[in-house]
Amino acid sequence: MPANLTPKYQKAEQEYRRAQGSAEQVACLQRMLREIPKHKGTEKLQADLKTRLKIARAEVETEKQAPRTGRSHRIPRQGAGQVVLLGPPNSGKSRLLAELTAAEPEVADYPFTTRESLPGMMPWEDVHVQLIDTPPVTASHLEPSLLNMVRAADLLVLCLDGSSDDAPDEAAEVVHQLEIRKTRPAQTTGFDEDDLSIVHVKTLLVVTRGEEADCLVRLELFREIVSTPFETVVVELGNEESRELLRQQIFDMLDVIRVYTRKPGRPVEYKDPFTIPAGGTVEDLAQCVHRELAEKLKHARLWRAGAADGQTVGRDHPLADRDLVELHW
């Protein structure tokens, strides 16, 4: 029997996947159990959720009792999305971060230059996207804190060195190390339909040093090893046009829209937009502004290219990129 999961459940599931702590997981799991349709087709999923909720609650209690020592590996989510850069040693991750953001990672020819995760903000038109450089992954090394970061990411960027004959096997090993930990680089993000413990994470394959001889041959060798048909970009990071195409592809794969807000009686200003998932509604926008506002929201006025200015719409009205919205409560 199909589960027929509702949009509200799917939204809670997405927030659970992105949760960065046990307390957040508890809140999301409680919402998922409230929103899940109660019928025979979801019995297994309901049982799985209840088990996960029990584990998350136990982890909350453990965290309360444990002394807080050392530094946290969590990087707060910022901007239009959180993008994790992943790859084997010398695959071009740190160079990518340095070229697309104002961050200054250490870039060198020797392996394991990156020893801890480093964020930077990538500008794209009037928004910013958070990129996170991470320590390299090999058959014998995967930082323990990296797995949760990958599972919570809005997008993975898997780097493959287009100049190295070893790159196809090394990049395939990164995919393998994630998969044996129930984390699958994929074309779309979400929990596995048959096993909630397995997470699929949308992935963009970036082939660095794209002007090197036999770069495309190495890409094809990787595709022979890894059957998942990732979206792929071949880049030369020293070329501005190539960098801009990569910025565009990263933003497009986040699958978000920009929505501008105005206060009643104020001039129209298209700046500092909120970003919400494509297909999001007026209510989703209000939730981004303030949770209390979303609860009290009565209606909104909408300005959109090709539509009547200031039309009144309800909380369930779908929004589009570059809409201007005036919220009323």
Protein backbone atom coordinates (compact mmCIF):
# COMPACT_ATOMS: atom_id res chain seq x y z
CA MET A 1 0.00 0.00 0.00
CA PRO A 2 1.44 3.43 -0.94
CA ALA A 3 2.31 5.75 1.94
CA ASN A 4 0.74 8.88 0.35
CA LEU A 5 2.86 11.17 2.53
CA THR A 6 1.54 14.72 2.81
CA PRO A 7 3.49 17.91 2.01
CA LYS A 8 3.51 18.80 5.73
CA TYR A 9 5.06 15.44 6.57
CA GLN A 10 7.63 15.82 3.80
CA LYS A 11 8.56 19.27 5.08
CA ALA A 12 9.07 17.90 8.61
CA GLU A 13 11.15 15.05 7.16
CA GLN A 14 13.35 17.52 5.32
CA GLU A 15 13.89 19.53 8.50
CA TYR A 16 14.74 16.33 10.37
CA ARG A 17 17.41 15.46 7.81
CA ARG A 18 18.92 18.93 8.20
CA ALA A 19 18.73 18.98 12.01
CA GLN A 20 22.11 19.71 13.61
CA GLY A 21 21.42 18.38 17.10
CA SER A 22 19.43 15.80 19.02
CA ALA A 23 16.97 18.37 20.39
CA GLU A 24 16.14 19.53 16.85
CA GLN A 25 15.73 15.90 15.78
CA VAL A 26 13.25 15.26 18.60
CA ALA A 27 11.10 18.23 17.56
CA CYS A 28 11.13 17.15 13.90
CA LEU A 29 10.34 13.51 14.68
CA GLN A 30 7.38 14.58 16.82
CA ARG A 31 6.05 16.63 13.91
CA MET A 32 6.59 13.73 11.50
CA LEU A 33 4.60 11.41 13.76
CA ARG A 34 1.78 13.98 13.98
CA GLU A 35 1.66 14.54 10.22
CA ILE A 36 2.15 11.00 8.91
CA PRO A 37 -1.03 9.43 7.49
CA LYS A 38 -2.20 6.65 9.82
CA HIS A 39 -2.91 3.55 7.71
CA LYS A 40 -1.43 0.13 6.97
CA GLY A 41 0.95 1.48 4.34
CA THR A 42 2.82 3.59 6.92
CA GLU A 43 2.90 1.15 9.84
CA LYS A 44 6.56 0.22 9.31
CA LEU A 45 7.54 3.87 8.90
CA GLN A 46 5.63 4.86 12.05
CA ALA A 47 7.45 2.17 14.03
CA ASP A 48 10.80 3.36 12.64
CA LEU A 49 10.01 6.96 13.59
CA LYS A 50 9.06 5.96 17.14
CA THR A 51 12.34 4.07 17.51
CA ARG A 52 14.31 7.06 16.23
CA LEU A 53 12.42 9.38 18.58
CA LYS A 54 13.31 7.16 21.55
CA ILE A 55 17.00 7.20 20.53
CA ALA A 56 17.02 10.98 19.97
CA ARG A 57 15.43 11.63 23.38
CA ALA A 58 18.08 9.43 25.02
CA GLU A 59 20.80 11.39 23.23
CA VAL A 60 19.33 14.67 24.50
CA GLU A 61 19.52 13.38 28.08
CA THR A 62 23.09 12.18 27.54
CA GLU A 63 24.11 15.56 26.15
CA LYS A 64 22.60 17.31 29.17
CA GLN A 65 24.64 15.20 31.57
CA ALA A 66 27.92 15.18 29.62
CA PRO A 67 30.47 17.94 30.35
CA ARG A 68 30.89 20.41 27.50
CA THR A 69 34.54 20.19 26.52
CA GLY A 70 36.38 20.79 23.27
CA ARG A 71 35.18 22.62 20.19
CA SER A 72 32.00 21.97 18.24
CA HIS A 73 32.24 20.73 14.65
CA ARG A 74 28.82 22.12 13.72
CA ILE A 75 28.76 24.98 11.24
CA PRO A 76 25.52 27.02 11.47
CA ARG A 77 23.58 27.11 8.22
CA GLN A 78 23.68 30.49 6.44
CA GLY A 79 22.57 31.97 3.15
CA ALA A 80 20.44 30.38 0.45
CA GLY A 81 21.78 26.88 1.14
CA GLN A 82 24.58 24.85 2.68
CA VAL A 83 26.86 23.16 0.13
CA VAL A 84 29.51 20.67 1.29
CA LEU A 85 32.65 20.28 -0.84
CA LEU A 86 33.83 16.70 -0.79
CA GLY A 87 36.68 14.81 -2.43
CA PRO A 88 39.92 12.86 -2.17
CA PRO A 89 43.26 14.59 -1.46
CA ASN A 90 44.32 17.25 -3.98
CA SER A 91 41.01 17.16 -5.84
CA GLY A 92 40.64 20.97 -5.90
CA LYS A 93 38.17 21.51 -3.04
CA SER A 94 40.16 24.21 -1.27
CA ARG A 95 40.97 25.98 -4.53
CA LEU A 96 37.28 25.95 -5.39
CA LEU A 97 36.40 27.53 -2.03
CA ALA A 98 39.13 30.17 -2.48
CA GLU A 99 38.00 31.11 -6.00
CA LEU A 100 34.25 31.24 -5.33
CA THR A 101 34.27 32.89 -1.88
CA ALA A 102 36.34 35.33 0.20
CA ALA A 103 37.57 32.49 2.43
CA GLU A 104 41.30 31.82 2.52
CA PRO A 105 41.90 28.09 2.91
CA GLU A 106 45.42 26.70 2.74
CA VAL A 107 46.02 25.48 -0.81
CA ALA A 108 49.04 23.27 -1.49
CA ASP A 109 50.19 20.40 -3.70
CA TYR A 110 50.65 17.97 -0.83
CA PRO A 111 47.72 15.83 0.45
CA PHE A 112 45.64 16.49 3.59
CA THR A 113 46.24 20.24 3.51
CA THR A 114 42.67 20.71 4.80
CA ARG A 115 42.58 19.42 8.38
CA GLU A 116 39.20 20.82 9.48
CA SER A 117 36.06 22.12 7.80
CA LEU A 118 36.10 25.75 6.67
CA PRO A 119 33.05 27.74 5.47
CA GLY A 120 32.85 30.60 3.00
CA MET A 121 30.00 32.56 1.38
CA MET A 122 29.64 32.43 -2.40
CA PRO A 123 27.91 35.46 -3.91
CA TRP A 124 25.38 34.84 -6.69
CA GLU A 125 23.41 37.85 -7.95
CA ASP A 126 21.70 39.21 -4.79
CA VAL A 127 22.08 36.16 -2.51
CA HIS A 128 24.89 34.19 -0.91
CA VAL A 129 25.39 30.43 -0.72
CA GLN A 130 27.41 28.78 2.05
CA LEU A 131 30.22 26.52 0.80
CA ILE A 132 32.12 24.32 3.27
CA ASP A 133 35.54 22.88 2.47
CA THR A 134 36.15 19.58 4.27
CA PRO A 135 39.07 17.26 5.05
CA PRO A 136 39.76 14.76 2.24
CA VAL A 137 38.18 11.31 2.21
CA THR A 138 40.16 8.14 1.48
CA ALA A 139 39.71 4.42 2.01
CA SER A 140 41.42 4.75 5.39
CA HIS A 141 40.24 8.19 6.53
CA LEU A 142 36.87 9.88 6.96
CA GLU A 143 36.50 12.49 9.70
CA PRO A 144 33.80 11.33 12.16
CA SER A 145 32.12 14.75 12.19
CA LEU A 146 31.89 14.85 8.39
CA LEU A 147 29.11 12.31 7.98
CA ASN A 148 26.42 14.33 9.78
CA MET A 149 27.44 17.43 7.83
CA VAL A 150 27.08 15.55 4.55
CA ARG A 151 23.69 14.09 5.49
CA ALA A 152 22.36 17.54 6.44
CA ALA A 153 23.71 19.34 3.35
CA ASP A 154 21.44 20.92 0.77
CA LEU A 155 23.94 19.90 -1.91
CA LEU A 156 27.18 17.93 -2.16
CA VAL A 157 29.89 19.02 -4.56
CA LEU A 158 32.08 16.01 -5.30
CA CYS A 159 35.43 17.09 -6.75
CA LEU A 160 37.35 15.01 -9.27
CA ASP A 161 40.84 16.09 -10.39
CA GLY A 162 40.75 16.17 -14.19
CA SER A 163 44.56 16.07 -14.38
CA SER A 164 45.19 12.89 -12.38
CA ASP A 165 45.02 9.30 -13.64
CA ASP A 166 44.26 8.21 -10.07
CA ALA A 167 41.29 10.57 -9.76
CA PRO A 168 38.51 8.25 -11.04
CA ASP A 169 39.32 5.55 -8.48
CA GLU A 170 39.90 8.07 -5.68
CA ALA A 171 36.62 9.91 -6.28
CA ALA A 172 34.76 6.59 -6.54
CA GLU A 173 36.25 5.61 -3.17
CA VAL A 174 34.71 8.76 -1.63
CA VAL A 175 31.28 7.63 -2.90
CA HIS A 176 31.92 4.12 -1.55
CA GLN A 177 32.95 5.34 1.91
CA LEU A 178 29.72 7.32 2.18
CA GLU A 179 27.55 4.48 0.90
CA ILE A 180 28.84 1.96 3.44
CA ARG A 181 27.79 4.53 6.07
CA LYS A 182 24.24 4.63 4.63
CA THR A 183 24.75 7.99 2.90
CA ARG A 184 24.26 7.93 -0.86
CA PRO A 185 25.31 10.72 -3.24
CA ALA A 186 22.38 10.91 -5.64
CA GLN A 187 20.36 12.99 -8.09
CA THR A 188 17.81 14.00 -5.47
CA THR A 189 17.75 14.42 -1.70
CA GLY A 190 15.62 12.45 0.74
CA PHE A 191 15.32 9.34 2.84
CA ASP A 192 15.39 5.96 1.14
CA GLU A 193 11.86 4.67 0.59
CA ASP A 194 12.70 1.23 1.97
CA ASP A 195 15.06 2.18 4.79
CA LEU A 196 14.77 5.45 6.72
CA SER A 197 18.34 5.04 8.00
CA ILE A 198 19.67 5.60 4.45
CA VAL A 199 19.89 9.20 3.24
CA HIS A 200 20.22 10.24 -0.39
CA VAL A 201 21.94 13.61 -0.88
CA LYS A 202 21.75 15.58 -4.12
CA THR A 203 25.23 15.71 -5.65
CA LEU A 204 26.99 17.80 -8.28
CA LEU A 205 30.16 16.27 -9.74
CA VAL A 206 32.73 19.00 -10.41
CA VAL A 207 35.71 18.05 -12.56
CA THR A 208 38.51 20.48 -11.68
CA ARG A 209 41.49 21.33 -13.91
CA GLY A 210 39.14 20.90 -16.83
CA GLU A 211 41.60 22.09 -19.50
CA GLU A 212 44.06 19.27 -18.80
CA ALA A 213 44.63 16.64 -21.51
CA ASP A 214 42.47 13.51 -21.12
CA CYS A 215 40.23 15.22 -18.56
CA LEU A 216 37.08 13.87 -20.24
CA VAL A 217 38.62 10.39 -20.48
CA ARG A 218 39.11 10.40 -16.70
CA LEU A 219 35.53 11.54 -16.25
CA GLU A 220 34.27 8.61 -18.34
CA LEU A 221 36.40 6.19 -16.29
CA PHE A 222 34.73 7.51 -13.13
CA ARG A 223 31.31 7.01 -14.70
CA GLU A 224 32.19 3.41 -15.49
CA ILE A 225 32.98 2.80 -11.80
CA VAL A 226 30.09 4.80 -10.30
CA SER A 227 26.80 4.15 -12.07
CA THR A 228 24.83 7.03 -10.49
CA PRO A 229 24.32 9.65 -13.25
CA PHE A 230 25.33 12.82 -11.35
CA GLU A 231 24.86 16.30 -12.77
CA THR A 232 28.38 17.23 -13.94
CA VAL A 233 30.34 20.43 -14.55
CA VAL A 234 33.85 20.55 -15.99
CA VAL A 235 35.63 23.70 -14.77
CA GLU A 236 38.91 25.53 -15.05
CA LEU A 237 39.02 27.59 -11.87
CA GLY A 238 41.51 30.05 -13.33
CA ASN A 239 38.88 31.07 -15.92
CA GLU A 240 36.26 33.61 -14.76
CA GLU A 241 33.62 32.46 -17.24
CA SER A 242 34.06 28.87 -16.05
CA ARG A 243 33.74 29.97 -12.42
CA GLU A 244 30.52 31.88 -13.17
CA LEU A 245 28.99 28.83 -14.85
CA LEU A 246 29.83 26.81 -11.75
CA ARG A 247 28.23 29.43 -9.46
CA GLN A 248 25.09 29.33 -11.59
CA GLN A 249 24.93 25.52 -11.51
CA ILE A 250 25.38 25.38 -7.74
CA PHE A 251 22.57 27.88 -7.14
CA ASP A 252 20.25 26.19 -9.64
CA MET A 253 20.72 22.80 -7.96
CA LEU A 254 19.65 24.22 -4.59
CA ASP A 255 16.16 24.47 -6.12
CA VAL A 256 15.19 27.60 -4.19
CA ILE A 257 13.47 30.84 -5.15
CA ARG A 258 14.10 34.41 -4.03
CA VAL A 259 11.19 36.30 -2.50
CA TYR A 260 11.32 39.97 -1.52
CA THR A 261 9.21 41.50 1.22
CA ARG A 262 7.91 44.99 1.93
CA LYS A 263 6.13 46.60 4.85
CA PRO A 264 2.75 48.24 4.15
CA GLY A 265 3.19 51.79 2.91
CA ARG A 266 6.94 51.44 2.34
CA PRO A 267 8.65 51.89 -1.06
CA VAL A 268 9.30 48.82 -3.20
CA GLU A 269 12.89 47.60 -2.83
CA TYR A 270 14.19 44.47 -4.51
CA LYS A 271 17.01 43.66 -2.12
CA ASP A 272 17.86 41.22 0.69
CA PRO A 273 15.47 38.48 -0.47
CA PHE A 274 14.41 35.48 1.56
CA THR A 275 15.01 32.10 -0.09
CA ILE A 276 12.46 29.31 0.16
CA PRO A 277 12.17 25.94 -1.64
CA ALA A 278 10.80 26.11 -5.18
CA GLY A 279 7.05 25.60 -4.97
CA GLY A 280 6.96 27.26 -1.54
CA THR A 281 3.93 29.25 -0.40
CA VAL A 282 3.13 32.52 1.32
CA GLU A 283 3.00 30.59 4.59
CA ASP A 284 6.53 29.25 3.98
CA LEU A 285 7.75 32.80 3.48
CA ALA A 286 6.05 33.98 6.67
CA GLN A 287 7.70 31.10 8.53
CA CYS A 288 11.10 32.34 7.33
CA VAL A 289 10.35 35.86 8.54
CA HIS A 290 9.09 34.80 11.99
CA ARG A 291 7.26 31.75 13.32
CA GLU A 292 4.72 33.89 15.21
CA LEU A 293 3.97 35.81 12.03
CA ALA A 294 3.19 32.56 10.23
CA GLU A 295 0.69 31.65 12.95
CA LYS A 296 -1.09 35.03 12.81
CA LEU A 297 -0.94 35.51 9.02
CA LYS A 298 -4.28 36.52 7.48
CA HIS A 299 -3.40 37.24 3.87
CA ALA A 300 -0.73 38.80 1.65
CA ARG A 301 -0.43 41.16 -1.29
CA LEU A 302 1.63 40.00 -4.22
CA TRP A 303 3.57 41.80 -6.94
CA ARG A 304 4.76 39.63 -9.83
CA ALA A 305 5.93 40.29 -13.36
CA GLY A 306 3.03 39.81 -15.77
CA ALA A 307 0.37 39.82 -13.03
CA ALA A 308 -1.85 42.44 -11.45
CA ASP A 309 0.05 44.57 -8.93
CA GLY A 310 -0.82 44.08 -5.29
CA GLN A 311 -3.29 41.24 -5.75
CA THR A 312 -4.54 39.70 -2.49
CA VAL A 313 -3.59 36.04 -1.96
CA GLY A 314 -3.97 33.48 0.80
CA ARG A 315 -1.37 31.66 2.87
CA ASP A 316 -1.40 28.63 0.53
CA HIS A 317 -0.66 30.65 -2.60
CA PRO A 318 2.48 29.34 -4.38
CA LEU A 319 5.29 31.84 -4.93
CA ALA A 320 7.75 32.26 -7.80
CA ASP A 321 11.31 33.56 -8.09
CA ARG A 322 11.56 37.35 -7.62
CA ASP A 323 8.03 37.77 -6.26
CA LEU A 324 7.46 40.77 -3.96
CA VAL A 325 5.16 40.04 -1.01
CA GLU A 326 3.52 42.20 1.63
CA LEU A 327 2.43 40.12 4.62
CA HIS A 328 -0.64 41.06 6.67
CA TRP A 329 -1.57 39.66 10.09
